[in-house]
N, C-alpha and C. Protein backbone atom coordinates (compact mmCIF):
# COMPACT_ATOMS: atom_id res chain seq x y z
N MET A 1 63.39 50.85 122.76
CA MET A 1 62.52 51.19 121.60
C MET A 1 61.14 50.66 121.93
N SER A 2 60.03 51.46 121.71
CA SER A 2 58.80 51.07 122.01
C SER A 2 57.88 50.78 120.81
N ALA A 3 58.15 51.50 119.73
CA ALA A 3 57.32 51.36 118.52
C ALA A 3 58.20 51.61 117.28
N ILE A 4 57.80 50.89 116.21
CA ILE A 4 58.43 51.23 114.89
C ILE A 4 57.35 51.66 113.95
N LEU A 5 57.51 52.78 113.35
CA LEU A 5 56.42 53.41 112.50
C LEU A 5 56.90 53.44 111.03
N PHE A 6 56.27 52.61 110.37
CA PHE A 6 56.55 52.54 108.79
C PHE A 6 55.64 53.61 108.10
N GLY A 7 56.40 54.39 107.41
CA GLY A 7 55.86 55.65 106.98
C GLY A 7 54.96 55.63 105.64
N SER A 8 55.15 54.64 104.80
CA SER A 8 54.56 54.61 103.57
C SER A 8 54.46 53.18 103.00
N ILE A 9 53.75 53.06 101.91
CA ILE A 9 53.72 51.73 101.17
C ILE A 9 55.06 51.35 100.90
N GLY A 10 55.80 52.28 100.44
CA GLY A 10 57.03 51.97 99.83
C GLY A 10 58.16 51.45 100.93
N THR A 11 57.81 51.58 102.17
CA THR A 11 58.64 51.07 103.06
C THR A 11 58.31 49.63 103.31
N ILE A 12 57.16 49.11 102.96
CA ILE A 12 56.83 47.75 103.18
C ILE A 12 56.96 46.90 101.81
N SER A 13 56.69 47.37 100.63
CA SER A 13 56.95 46.88 99.33
C SER A 13 57.33 47.83 98.37
N ASP A 14 58.29 47.58 97.46
CA ASP A 14 58.67 48.60 96.53
C ASP A 14 57.68 48.68 95.29
N THR A 15 56.77 49.45 95.49
CA THR A 15 55.71 49.73 94.46
C THR A 15 55.91 50.93 93.46
N SER A 16 57.07 51.61 93.68
CA SER A 16 57.24 52.90 92.96
C SER A 16 57.10 52.85 91.49
N GLU A 17 57.73 51.65 90.78
CA GLU A 17 57.48 51.54 89.34
C GLU A 17 56.15 51.38 89.00
N LEU A 18 55.42 50.53 89.74
CA LEU A 18 53.99 50.23 89.54
C LEU A 18 53.28 51.57 89.56
N GLN A 19 53.56 52.46 90.54
CA GLN A 19 52.89 53.76 90.53
C GLN A 19 53.21 54.52 89.29
N ARG A 20 54.40 54.47 88.83
CA ARG A 20 54.70 55.36 87.59
C ARG A 20 54.06 54.80 86.22
N GLN A 21 54.00 53.38 86.25
CA GLN A 21 53.26 52.81 85.08
C GLN A 21 51.72 53.10 85.17
N ALA A 22 51.19 53.17 86.40
CA ALA A 22 49.75 53.43 86.51
C ALA A 22 49.48 54.89 85.94
N PHE A 23 50.38 55.89 86.33
CA PHE A 23 50.26 57.26 85.87
C PHE A 23 50.13 57.18 84.33
N ASN A 24 51.14 56.51 83.67
CA ASN A 24 51.11 56.48 82.17
C ASN A 24 50.01 55.76 81.62
N GLN A 25 49.47 54.84 82.29
CA GLN A 25 48.17 54.16 81.80
C GLN A 25 46.95 55.07 81.86
N ALA A 26 46.99 55.88 82.98
CA ALA A 26 45.91 56.92 83.11
C ALA A 26 46.01 58.03 82.06
N PHE A 27 47.10 58.28 81.76
CA PHE A 27 47.40 59.35 80.82
C PHE A 27 46.85 58.88 79.28
N LYS A 28 47.01 57.71 79.02
CA LYS A 28 46.68 57.09 77.76
C LYS A 28 45.11 56.88 77.63
N ALA A 29 44.67 56.54 79.05
CA ALA A 29 43.11 56.40 79.00
C ALA A 29 42.39 57.70 79.00
N HIS A 30 43.08 58.78 79.22
CA HIS A 30 42.44 60.07 79.04
C HIS A 30 42.85 60.78 77.79
N GLY A 31 43.35 60.12 76.78
CA GLY A 31 43.75 60.62 75.65
C GLY A 31 44.98 61.61 75.53
N LEU A 32 45.81 61.39 76.53
CA LEU A 32 46.89 62.38 76.51
C LEU A 32 48.18 61.62 76.05
N ASP A 33 49.03 62.61 75.40
CA ASP A 33 50.26 61.79 74.70
C ASP A 33 51.47 61.96 75.85
N TRP A 34 50.99 61.99 76.96
CA TRP A 34 52.28 62.17 78.15
C TRP A 34 52.75 60.83 78.24
N CYS A 35 54.05 60.85 78.61
CA CYS A 35 54.75 59.60 79.05
C CYS A 35 55.82 60.07 80.09
N TRP A 36 55.65 59.61 81.35
CA TRP A 36 56.61 59.94 82.43
C TRP A 36 57.67 58.88 82.41
N HIS A 37 58.86 59.28 81.82
CA HIS A 37 59.80 58.25 81.75
C HIS A 37 60.51 58.20 83.10
N ARG A 38 61.23 57.14 83.45
CA ARG A 38 61.76 56.94 84.82
C ARG A 38 62.63 58.15 85.25
N GLU A 39 63.49 58.58 84.30
CA GLU A 39 64.49 59.72 84.73
C GLU A 39 63.68 60.96 85.10
N ALA A 40 62.72 61.36 84.50
CA ALA A 40 61.84 62.44 84.82
C ALA A 40 61.03 62.20 86.22
N TYR A 41 60.49 60.99 86.31
CA TYR A 41 59.82 60.64 87.34
C TYR A 41 60.62 60.68 88.72
N LEU A 42 61.90 60.36 88.60
CA LEU A 42 62.62 60.37 89.85
C LEU A 42 62.60 61.78 90.45
N ILE A 43 62.79 62.80 89.55
CA ILE A 43 62.84 64.19 90.13
C ILE A 43 61.41 64.65 90.64
N MET A 44 60.36 64.15 89.90
CA MET A 44 59.01 64.38 90.49
C MET A 44 58.87 64.06 91.79
N LEU A 45 59.38 62.75 92.16
CA LEU A 45 59.14 62.29 93.52
C LEU A 45 59.73 62.99 94.65
N GLU A 46 60.47 64.04 94.29
CA GLU A 46 60.96 64.86 95.41
C GLU A 46 59.96 65.82 96.07
N LYS A 47 58.79 65.77 95.30
CA LYS A 47 57.61 66.65 95.97
C LYS A 47 56.49 65.57 96.01
N SER A 48 55.63 65.82 97.10
CA SER A 48 54.56 64.94 97.32
C SER A 48 53.16 65.25 96.55
N GLY A 49 52.23 64.16 96.50
CA GLY A 49 51.12 64.42 95.93
C GLY A 49 50.71 64.10 94.46
N GLY A 50 50.34 63.03 94.11
CA GLY A 50 50.10 62.60 92.82
C GLY A 50 49.34 63.51 92.03
N GLN A 51 48.07 63.95 92.38
CA GLN A 51 47.23 64.68 91.78
C GLN A 51 47.93 66.11 91.55
N GLN A 52 48.55 66.66 92.58
CA GLN A 52 49.33 68.07 92.39
C GLN A 52 50.46 67.84 91.33
N ARG A 53 51.14 66.57 91.31
CA ARG A 53 52.07 66.35 90.23
C ARG A 53 51.61 66.42 88.82
N ILE A 54 50.35 65.74 88.67
CA ILE A 54 49.69 65.95 87.30
C ILE A 54 49.43 67.34 87.02
N ALA A 55 48.88 68.29 87.91
CA ALA A 55 48.54 69.47 87.73
C ALA A 55 49.71 70.29 87.41
N ASP A 56 50.70 70.16 88.16
CA ASP A 56 52.09 70.91 87.93
C ASP A 56 52.74 70.54 86.61
N TYR A 57 52.62 69.32 86.15
CA TYR A 57 53.25 68.92 84.87
C TYR A 57 52.42 69.54 83.65
N ALA A 58 51.00 69.52 83.80
CA ALA A 58 50.17 70.12 82.83
C ALA A 58 50.53 71.65 82.65
N ARG A 59 50.61 72.25 83.78
CA ARG A 59 50.96 73.69 83.76
C ARG A 59 52.36 73.94 83.11
N SER A 60 53.24 73.01 83.40
CA SER A 60 54.55 73.32 82.85
C SER A 60 54.69 73.22 81.28
N ILE A 61 53.68 72.50 80.82
CA ILE A 61 53.56 72.38 79.27
C ILE A 61 52.52 73.04 78.67
N GLY A 62 51.86 73.91 79.45
CA GLY A 62 50.84 74.87 78.90
C GLY A 62 49.56 73.94 78.56
N GLN A 63 49.33 73.07 79.27
CA GLN A 63 47.94 72.42 79.11
C GLN A 63 47.16 72.41 80.23
N THR A 64 45.80 72.30 80.03
CA THR A 64 44.78 72.34 81.06
C THR A 64 44.10 70.93 81.07
N VAL A 65 44.12 70.18 82.32
CA VAL A 65 43.51 68.98 82.40
C VAL A 65 42.84 68.90 83.68
N ASP A 66 41.92 67.71 83.70
CA ASP A 66 41.28 67.37 84.87
C ASP A 66 42.18 66.54 85.88
N ALA A 67 42.83 67.11 86.63
CA ALA A 67 43.92 66.41 87.32
C ALA A 67 43.35 65.48 88.31
N GLU A 68 42.23 65.80 88.89
CA GLU A 68 41.45 64.95 89.91
C GLU A 68 41.05 63.49 89.17
N SER A 69 40.46 63.77 87.99
CA SER A 69 39.87 62.60 87.15
C SER A 69 41.01 61.75 86.71
N ILE A 70 42.05 62.33 86.24
CA ILE A 70 43.26 61.47 85.82
C ILE A 70 43.82 60.68 87.13
N TYR A 71 43.96 61.37 88.28
CA TYR A 71 44.40 60.82 89.38
C TYR A 71 43.64 59.49 89.97
N ARG A 72 42.32 59.85 89.67
CA ARG A 72 41.49 58.71 90.19
C ARG A 72 41.61 57.52 89.16
N SER A 73 41.82 57.88 87.90
CA SER A 73 42.11 56.68 87.01
C SER A 73 43.46 55.96 87.40
N LYS A 74 44.42 56.93 87.59
CA LYS A 74 45.69 56.30 88.00
C LYS A 74 45.53 55.33 89.21
N SER A 75 44.86 55.77 90.30
CA SER A 75 44.61 55.05 91.41
C SER A 75 43.97 53.67 90.99
N GLU A 76 43.03 53.67 90.06
CA GLU A 76 42.42 52.54 89.72
C GLU A 76 43.32 51.51 89.00
N PHE A 77 44.22 52.01 88.31
CA PHE A 77 45.30 51.23 87.55
C PHE A 77 46.21 50.76 88.60
N PHE A 78 46.51 51.57 89.49
CA PHE A 78 47.72 50.99 90.47
C PHE A 78 46.98 49.98 91.35
N GLN A 79 45.74 50.13 91.70
CA GLN A 79 45.07 48.99 92.46
C GLN A 79 45.01 47.82 91.75
N LYS A 80 44.75 47.88 90.41
CA LYS A 80 44.62 46.67 89.73
C LYS A 80 46.01 45.91 89.55
N SER A 81 47.12 46.65 89.46
CA SER A 81 48.40 46.18 89.45
C SER A 81 48.71 45.59 90.84
N LEU A 82 48.24 45.97 91.92
CA LEU A 82 48.57 45.28 93.13
C LEU A 82 48.01 44.01 93.25
N THR A 83 46.85 43.91 92.54
CA THR A 83 46.22 42.57 92.60
C THR A 83 46.84 41.67 91.61
N GLU A 84 47.33 42.06 90.61
CA GLU A 84 47.99 41.23 89.56
C GLU A 84 49.28 41.01 89.59
N SER A 85 50.04 41.82 90.22
CA SER A 85 51.54 41.89 90.24
C SER A 85 52.01 40.95 91.47
N GLN A 86 53.19 40.31 91.15
CA GLN A 86 53.65 39.41 92.27
C GLN A 86 54.64 40.23 93.22
N ILE A 87 54.07 41.15 93.89
CA ILE A 87 54.82 42.16 94.72
C ILE A 87 55.25 41.28 96.00
N LYS A 88 56.38 41.79 96.59
CA LYS A 88 57.00 41.09 97.81
C LYS A 88 57.37 42.15 98.80
N PRO A 89 57.39 41.74 100.05
CA PRO A 89 58.08 42.55 101.02
C PRO A 89 59.60 42.91 100.75
N ARG A 90 59.87 44.17 101.20
CA ARG A 90 61.09 44.58 101.11
C ARG A 90 62.03 43.78 102.06
N LEU A 91 63.34 43.86 101.74
CA LEU A 91 64.35 42.96 102.55
C LEU A 91 64.41 43.39 104.06
N GLY A 92 64.12 42.56 104.84
CA GLY A 92 64.25 42.56 106.16
C GLY A 92 62.93 43.09 106.81
N VAL A 93 61.98 43.46 106.21
CA VAL A 93 60.60 44.01 106.64
C VAL A 93 59.93 42.82 107.45
N VAL A 94 59.70 41.84 106.91
CA VAL A 94 59.02 40.70 107.67
C VAL A 94 59.76 40.27 108.97
N GLU A 95 61.01 40.19 108.89
CA GLU A 95 61.72 39.79 110.21
C GLU A 95 61.76 40.85 111.15
N THR A 96 61.74 42.04 110.71
CA THR A 96 61.73 43.26 111.63
C THR A 96 60.51 43.30 112.33
N ILE A 97 59.29 43.06 111.55
CA ILE A 97 57.92 43.11 112.22
C ILE A 97 57.88 41.92 113.12
N GLN A 98 58.33 40.87 112.63
CA GLN A 98 58.16 39.65 113.67
C GLN A 98 58.87 39.85 114.95
N ASN A 99 60.32 40.29 114.80
CA ASN A 99 61.05 40.47 115.98
C ASN A 99 60.45 41.53 116.87
N ALA A 100 59.90 42.58 116.20
CA ALA A 100 59.38 43.69 117.11
C ALA A 100 58.01 43.18 117.75
N LYS A 101 57.20 42.41 117.27
CA LYS A 101 56.03 41.91 117.85
C LYS A 101 56.29 40.87 119.12
N ASN A 102 57.40 40.10 118.62
CA ASN A 102 57.93 39.13 119.78
C ASN A 102 58.34 39.77 121.00
N GLN A 103 58.90 40.80 120.95
CA GLN A 103 59.49 41.61 121.92
C GLN A 103 58.48 42.64 122.72
N GLY A 104 57.21 42.70 122.13
CA GLY A 104 56.27 43.41 122.65
C GLY A 104 56.24 44.92 122.13
N LEU A 105 56.97 45.26 121.06
CA LEU A 105 56.89 46.59 120.54
C LEU A 105 55.60 46.78 119.71
N LYS A 106 55.26 47.96 119.48
CA LYS A 106 54.05 48.36 118.70
C LYS A 106 54.61 48.62 117.33
N ILE A 107 53.75 48.26 116.32
CA ILE A 107 53.92 48.56 114.88
C ILE A 107 53.00 49.38 114.33
N ALA A 108 53.23 50.48 113.73
CA ALA A 108 52.25 51.39 112.92
C ALA A 108 52.48 51.52 111.57
N PHE A 109 51.56 51.70 110.84
CA PHE A 109 51.57 52.01 109.41
C PHE A 109 51.15 53.54 109.10
N VAL A 110 52.01 54.42 109.13
CA VAL A 110 51.73 55.80 109.16
C VAL A 110 51.68 56.34 107.74
N THR A 111 50.85 55.95 106.90
CA THR A 111 50.70 56.37 105.54
C THR A 111 49.34 57.30 105.36
N THR A 112 49.36 58.07 104.41
CA THR A 112 48.25 58.95 104.19
C THR A 112 47.78 58.51 102.67
N THR A 113 47.84 57.40 102.37
CA THR A 113 47.36 56.85 101.05
C THR A 113 45.85 56.49 101.36
N SER A 114 45.19 56.03 100.27
CA SER A 114 43.86 55.63 100.46
C SER A 114 43.88 54.17 101.20
N GLN A 115 42.64 53.87 101.86
CA GLN A 115 42.49 52.76 102.42
C GLN A 115 42.34 51.53 101.54
N ALA A 116 42.03 51.90 100.25
CA ALA A 116 41.82 50.73 99.18
C ALA A 116 43.35 50.40 98.94
N ASN A 117 44.30 51.23 98.61
CA ASN A 117 45.52 50.94 98.39
C ASN A 117 46.20 49.98 99.56
N ILE A 118 45.94 50.40 100.74
CA ILE A 118 46.40 49.72 101.88
C ILE A 118 45.95 48.41 101.97
N SER A 119 44.60 48.07 101.76
CA SER A 119 43.94 46.85 101.94
C SER A 119 44.39 45.98 100.87
N LEU A 120 44.61 46.42 99.56
CA LEU A 120 45.09 45.68 98.53
C LEU A 120 46.49 45.27 98.60
N LEU A 121 47.38 46.30 99.17
CA LEU A 121 48.71 45.91 99.41
C LEU A 121 48.94 44.84 100.41
N LEU A 122 48.15 44.84 101.55
CA LEU A 122 48.45 43.86 102.54
C LEU A 122 47.67 42.66 102.10
N GLU A 123 46.64 42.62 101.29
CA GLU A 123 46.22 41.32 100.90
C GLU A 123 47.20 40.64 99.93
N ALA A 124 47.89 41.45 99.15
CA ALA A 124 48.75 40.84 98.12
C ALA A 124 49.93 40.32 98.89
N LEU A 125 50.39 40.88 100.08
CA LEU A 125 51.53 40.43 100.86
C LEU A 125 51.17 39.21 101.79
N ARG A 126 50.01 38.88 101.94
CA ARG A 126 49.68 37.82 102.80
C ARG A 126 50.32 36.57 102.26
N PRO A 127 50.71 35.63 103.20
CA PRO A 127 50.67 35.69 104.65
C PRO A 127 51.94 36.24 105.41
N SER A 128 52.83 36.76 104.43
CA SER A 128 54.06 37.35 105.04
C SER A 128 53.82 38.45 106.00
N ILE A 129 52.91 39.44 105.54
CA ILE A 129 52.41 40.50 106.34
C ILE A 129 51.07 40.75 106.42
N GLN A 130 50.42 40.89 107.38
CA GLN A 130 48.94 40.90 107.58
C GLN A 130 48.44 42.14 108.29
N VAL A 131 47.24 42.35 108.18
CA VAL A 131 46.63 43.51 108.77
C VAL A 131 46.83 43.51 110.45
N ASN A 132 46.71 42.22 110.94
CA ASN A 132 46.70 42.21 112.37
C ASN A 132 48.30 42.25 112.95
N ASP A 133 49.24 42.46 112.04
CA ASP A 133 50.54 42.76 112.42
C ASP A 133 50.73 44.27 112.91
N PHE A 134 49.90 45.13 112.55
CA PHE A 134 49.91 46.37 112.95
C PHE A 134 49.04 46.86 114.09
N ASP A 135 49.47 47.59 115.08
CA ASP A 135 48.72 48.18 115.97
C ASP A 135 47.91 49.35 115.55
N LEU A 136 48.33 50.11 114.70
CA LEU A 136 47.58 51.07 114.09
C LEU A 136 47.96 51.42 112.56
N ILE A 137 46.86 51.63 111.89
CA ILE A 137 47.16 51.94 110.32
C ILE A 137 46.24 53.22 109.97
N LEU A 138 47.07 54.13 109.45
CA LEU A 138 46.39 55.36 109.14
C LEU A 138 46.06 55.42 107.62
N ASN A 139 45.28 56.24 107.22
CA ASN A 139 44.89 56.49 105.77
C ASN A 139 44.51 57.86 105.46
N SER A 140 44.20 58.08 104.19
CA SER A 140 43.98 59.44 103.79
C SER A 140 42.63 60.08 104.42
N THR A 141 41.78 59.23 104.93
CA THR A 141 40.55 59.80 105.47
C THR A 141 40.70 60.26 106.94
N ILE A 142 41.83 59.78 107.53
CA ILE A 142 42.01 60.02 108.93
C ILE A 142 42.83 61.28 109.10
N ILE A 143 43.85 61.49 108.19
CA ILE A 143 44.65 62.67 108.31
C ILE A 143 44.39 63.68 107.14
N ASP A 144 43.97 64.91 107.35
CA ASP A 144 43.67 65.92 106.27
C ASP A 144 44.87 66.71 105.90
N ARG A 145 46.02 66.50 106.57
CA ARG A 145 47.18 67.46 106.26
C ARG A 145 48.28 66.37 105.84
N PRO A 146 48.55 66.20 104.68
CA PRO A 146 49.54 65.15 104.14
C PRO A 146 50.85 65.54 104.50
N LYS A 147 51.82 64.69 104.44
CA LYS A 147 53.21 64.98 104.54
C LYS A 147 53.67 65.86 103.60
N PRO A 148 54.62 66.81 103.69
CA PRO A 148 55.55 66.80 104.80
C PRO A 148 55.01 67.31 106.35
N ASP A 149 53.71 67.60 106.26
CA ASP A 149 53.29 67.98 107.48
C ASP A 149 53.31 66.94 108.45
N LYS A 150 53.56 67.25 109.84
CA LYS A 150 53.87 66.22 110.71
C LYS A 150 52.57 65.60 111.36
N ALA A 151 51.49 65.93 110.88
CA ALA A 151 50.03 65.55 111.41
C ALA A 151 49.97 64.25 111.57
N ALA A 152 50.47 63.39 110.60
CA ALA A 152 50.05 61.95 110.53
C ALA A 152 50.98 61.23 111.76
N TYR A 153 52.20 61.75 111.82
CA TYR A 153 52.97 61.22 112.99
C TYR A 153 52.58 61.62 114.37
N THR A 154 52.22 62.79 114.54
CA THR A 154 51.66 63.34 115.75
C THR A 154 50.44 62.61 116.10
N PHE A 155 49.45 62.37 115.26
CA PHE A 155 48.33 61.50 115.52
C PHE A 155 48.74 60.07 115.90
N ALA A 156 49.61 59.44 115.21
CA ALA A 156 49.96 58.06 115.47
C ALA A 156 50.62 57.91 116.90
N LEU A 157 51.64 58.81 117.26
CA LEU A 157 52.21 58.88 118.55
C LEU A 157 51.06 58.98 119.69
N GLU A 158 50.07 59.85 119.43
CA GLU A 158 49.12 59.98 120.34
C GLU A 158 48.26 58.89 120.51
N ARG A 159 47.75 58.29 119.50
CA ARG A 159 46.99 57.10 119.41
C ARG A 159 47.73 55.87 119.94
N LEU A 160 49.05 55.74 119.76
CA LEU A 160 49.74 54.63 120.31
C LEU A 160 50.14 54.94 121.84
N GLY A 161 50.02 56.10 122.18
CA GLY A 161 50.37 56.36 123.74
C GLY A 161 51.90 56.31 123.85
N GLU A 162 52.81 56.69 122.78
CA GLU A 162 54.10 56.73 122.84
C GLU A 162 54.84 58.06 122.60
N LYS A 163 56.05 58.26 123.17
CA LYS A 163 56.83 59.43 123.14
C LYS A 163 57.72 59.18 121.77
N SER A 164 57.91 60.23 121.10
CA SER A 164 58.77 60.30 120.01
C SER A 164 60.27 59.75 120.29
N ASP A 165 60.69 60.11 121.46
CA ASP A 165 62.12 59.61 121.70
C ASP A 165 62.18 58.07 121.79
N ASP A 166 61.16 57.42 122.02
CA ASP A 166 61.14 56.04 122.19
C ASP A 166 60.77 55.32 120.85
N CYS A 167 60.60 55.98 119.82
CA CYS A 167 60.14 55.32 118.64
C CYS A 167 61.15 55.64 117.35
N ILE A 168 61.05 54.72 116.34
CA ILE A 168 61.80 55.08 115.20
C ILE A 168 60.81 55.02 113.95
N ALA A 169 60.91 55.98 112.95
CA ALA A 169 60.22 56.11 111.81
C ALA A 169 61.02 55.49 110.63
N ILE A 170 60.33 54.73 109.71
CA ILE A 170 61.03 54.31 108.65
C ILE A 170 60.36 55.06 107.37
N GLU A 171 61.23 55.67 106.49
CA GLU A 171 60.71 56.29 105.40
C GLU A 171 61.48 56.05 104.22
N ASP A 172 60.77 56.20 103.02
CA ASP A 172 61.43 55.78 101.60
C ASP A 172 61.60 57.16 100.90
N ASN A 173 61.08 58.17 101.28
CA ASN A 173 61.27 59.38 100.52
C ASN A 173 61.53 60.71 101.42
N LEU A 174 61.91 61.73 100.74
CA LEU A 174 62.31 63.01 101.49
C LEU A 174 61.20 63.65 102.21
N ILE A 175 59.97 63.62 101.58
CA ILE A 175 58.85 64.23 102.20
C ILE A 175 58.49 63.54 103.45
N GLY A 176 58.56 62.08 103.51
CA GLY A 176 58.25 61.43 104.71
C GLY A 176 59.20 61.75 105.85
N VAL A 177 60.59 61.80 105.49
CA VAL A 177 61.64 61.92 106.54
C VAL A 177 61.27 63.23 107.13
N GLU A 178 61.03 64.29 106.28
CA GLU A 178 60.77 65.64 106.81
C GLU A 178 59.69 65.63 107.82
N ALA A 179 58.58 64.93 107.58
CA ALA A 179 57.44 64.90 108.39
C ALA A 179 57.80 64.22 109.69
N ALA A 180 58.58 63.06 109.59
CA ALA A 180 59.03 62.37 110.81
C ALA A 180 59.82 63.15 111.72
N ILE A 181 60.82 63.95 110.99
CA ILE A 181 61.67 64.77 111.96
C ILE A 181 60.82 66.02 112.56
N SER A 182 59.92 66.53 111.79
CA SER A 182 59.10 67.58 112.39
C SER A 182 58.38 67.16 113.68
N ALA A 183 57.88 65.87 113.69
CA ALA A 183 57.32 65.24 114.83
C ALA A 183 58.02 64.86 115.91
N GLY A 184 59.40 65.04 115.90
CA GLY A 184 60.51 64.70 116.80
C GLY A 184 61.03 63.42 116.94
N LEU A 185 60.75 62.66 115.67
CA LEU A 185 61.16 61.30 115.60
C LEU A 185 62.56 61.31 114.95
N ASP A 186 63.36 60.23 115.30
CA ASP A 186 64.58 59.72 114.43
C ASP A 186 64.08 59.08 113.45
N CYS A 187 64.60 59.20 112.14
CA CYS A 187 64.09 58.52 110.94
C CYS A 187 65.12 57.86 110.27
N VAL A 188 64.88 56.55 109.91
CA VAL A 188 65.77 55.86 109.23
C VAL A 188 65.41 55.76 107.71
N ALA A 189 66.13 56.22 106.74
CA ALA A 189 65.84 56.30 105.33
C ALA A 189 66.01 54.94 104.80
N PHE A 190 65.05 54.44 104.18
CA PHE A 190 65.01 53.14 103.51
C PHE A 190 64.43 53.26 102.11
N PRO A 191 65.32 53.89 101.24
CA PRO A 191 64.79 54.29 100.06
C PRO A 191 64.34 53.35 99.13
N ASN A 192 63.44 53.52 98.12
CA ASN A 192 63.17 52.56 96.97
C ASN A 192 64.05 52.62 95.77
N GLN A 193 63.65 51.90 94.79
CA GLN A 193 64.57 51.94 93.62
C GLN A 193 64.55 53.42 92.97
N ASN A 194 63.51 54.06 93.16
CA ASN A 194 63.30 55.37 92.42
C ASN A 194 63.61 56.59 93.39
N THR A 195 63.95 56.36 94.55
CA THR A 195 64.49 57.54 95.56
C THR A 195 65.70 57.35 96.09
N ILE A 196 66.45 56.28 95.60
CA ILE A 196 67.77 56.02 96.20
C ILE A 196 68.70 57.17 95.92
N HIS A 197 68.50 58.03 94.84
CA HIS A 197 69.34 59.08 94.59
C HIS A 197 69.20 60.35 95.34
N HIS A 198 67.97 60.45 96.21
CA HIS A 198 67.62 61.49 97.00
C HIS A 198 68.71 61.84 98.06
N ASP A 199 68.76 63.09 98.48
CA ASP A 199 69.66 63.42 99.58
C ASP A 199 69.05 63.28 100.96
N PHE A 200 69.39 62.00 101.52
CA PHE A 200 68.76 61.64 102.91
C PHE A 200 69.68 62.05 103.93
N THR A 201 70.36 63.19 103.86
CA THR A 201 71.29 63.48 104.90
C THR A 201 70.62 64.00 106.17
N LYS A 202 69.36 64.44 106.18
CA LYS A 202 68.59 64.78 107.15
C LYS A 202 68.26 63.43 108.09
N ALA A 203 68.10 62.30 107.43
CA ALA A 203 67.85 61.08 108.27
C ALA A 203 69.02 60.72 109.09
N LYS A 204 68.77 59.94 110.16
CA LYS A 204 69.78 59.56 110.99
C LYS A 204 70.70 58.46 110.41
N CYS A 205 70.15 57.63 109.65
CA CYS A 205 71.04 56.74 108.84
C CYS A 205 70.27 56.26 107.51
N LEU A 206 71.00 55.63 106.62
CA LEU A 206 70.49 55.22 105.30
C LEU A 206 70.68 53.78 105.31
N VAL A 207 69.61 52.96 104.97
CA VAL A 207 69.97 51.34 104.89
C VAL A 207 69.26 50.95 103.65
N ASP A 208 69.77 49.81 103.20
CA ASP A 208 69.14 49.28 102.06
C ASP A 208 68.48 47.88 102.33
N LYS A 209 68.38 47.65 103.64
CA LYS A 209 67.66 46.48 104.14
C LYS A 209 67.33 46.85 105.67
N LEU A 210 66.19 46.33 106.21
CA LEU A 210 65.81 46.42 107.49
C LEU A 210 66.48 45.51 108.41
N ASP A 211 66.99 45.85 109.50
CA ASP A 211 67.48 44.89 110.53
C ASP A 211 67.04 45.38 111.94
N PHE A 212 66.38 44.40 112.67
CA PHE A 212 65.88 44.75 113.96
C PHE A 212 66.90 45.17 115.01
N ASN A 213 67.90 44.36 114.90
CA ASN A 213 68.94 44.60 115.91
C ASN A 213 69.61 45.82 115.83
N GLN A 214 69.92 46.32 114.38
CA GLN A 214 70.51 47.46 114.15
C GLN A 214 69.55 48.77 114.58
N LEU A 215 68.20 48.63 114.25
CA LEU A 215 67.45 49.72 114.79
C LEU A 215 67.37 49.84 116.31
N GLN A 216 67.52 48.70 117.14
CA GLN A 216 67.50 48.75 118.54
C GLN A 216 68.84 49.42 118.91
N LYS A 217 69.88 49.15 118.37
CA LYS A 217 71.16 49.56 118.83
C LYS A 217 71.37 51.18 118.43
N PHE A 218 70.71 51.47 117.40
CA PHE A 218 70.64 52.90 116.98
C PHE A 218 69.99 53.84 117.88
N LEU A 219 68.73 53.23 118.39
CA LEU A 219 67.97 54.13 119.30
C LEU A 219 68.42 54.12 120.69
N SER A 220 69.17 52.97 120.98
CA SER A 220 69.79 52.82 122.37
C SER A 220 70.91 53.84 122.39
N SER A 221 71.67 53.98 121.35
CA SER A 221 72.87 54.90 121.50
C SER A 221 72.53 56.28 121.33
N ARG A 222 71.39 56.59 120.81
CA ARG A 222 70.75 58.03 120.67
C ARG A 222 70.41 58.39 122.30
N ILE A 223 69.71 57.58 123.06
CA ILE A 223 69.24 57.80 124.27
C ILE A 223 70.49 57.86 125.24
N THR A 224 71.38 57.05 125.12
CA THR A 224 72.62 57.13 125.74
C THR A 224 73.27 58.46 125.52
């Protein structure tokens, strides 16, 4: 194994509920009586794109809204929550990154969220996880085709100078798994509390915590 590619914020820290709460705060701020309860939100997460999610929901209930403006507000509320909440790294993430770095592996953060989200997340997780732990960090300004398109992973592999056969992707949602597979990567599904019910049969394995030795054995058995 030569590189581990973390595919989203949710693979580093479980922020899914903070995201849902930020949507609801944005709706209230824009004078909407919408409230995305967790049960409905779980289904929405099967498709990507927060702004598109807002537009689709408005259309489904016969309303017209400024989805872009609402999503901008949602992002502001989410970023505030990253600063104020006591978020923590997910199980095994810190140890996996440390072991990988100690053995000379590359670590990439292959997300297409905003740079502001990434910066605030990593600031909140210091010193457990820091910017310099990653050899490459992508954001929405670098990749113009979001997942499930493979563009983010293809770009990451090229920039790292690595082959897909020698790397493992970690994803917490179906869209990310599809993107990784499309780029020729084996993908380990590491679902968060709001995606645990998704059908991850396309992933090579499903885990509830990361274990560096397990990742190594998995890739070794695949190559063999």
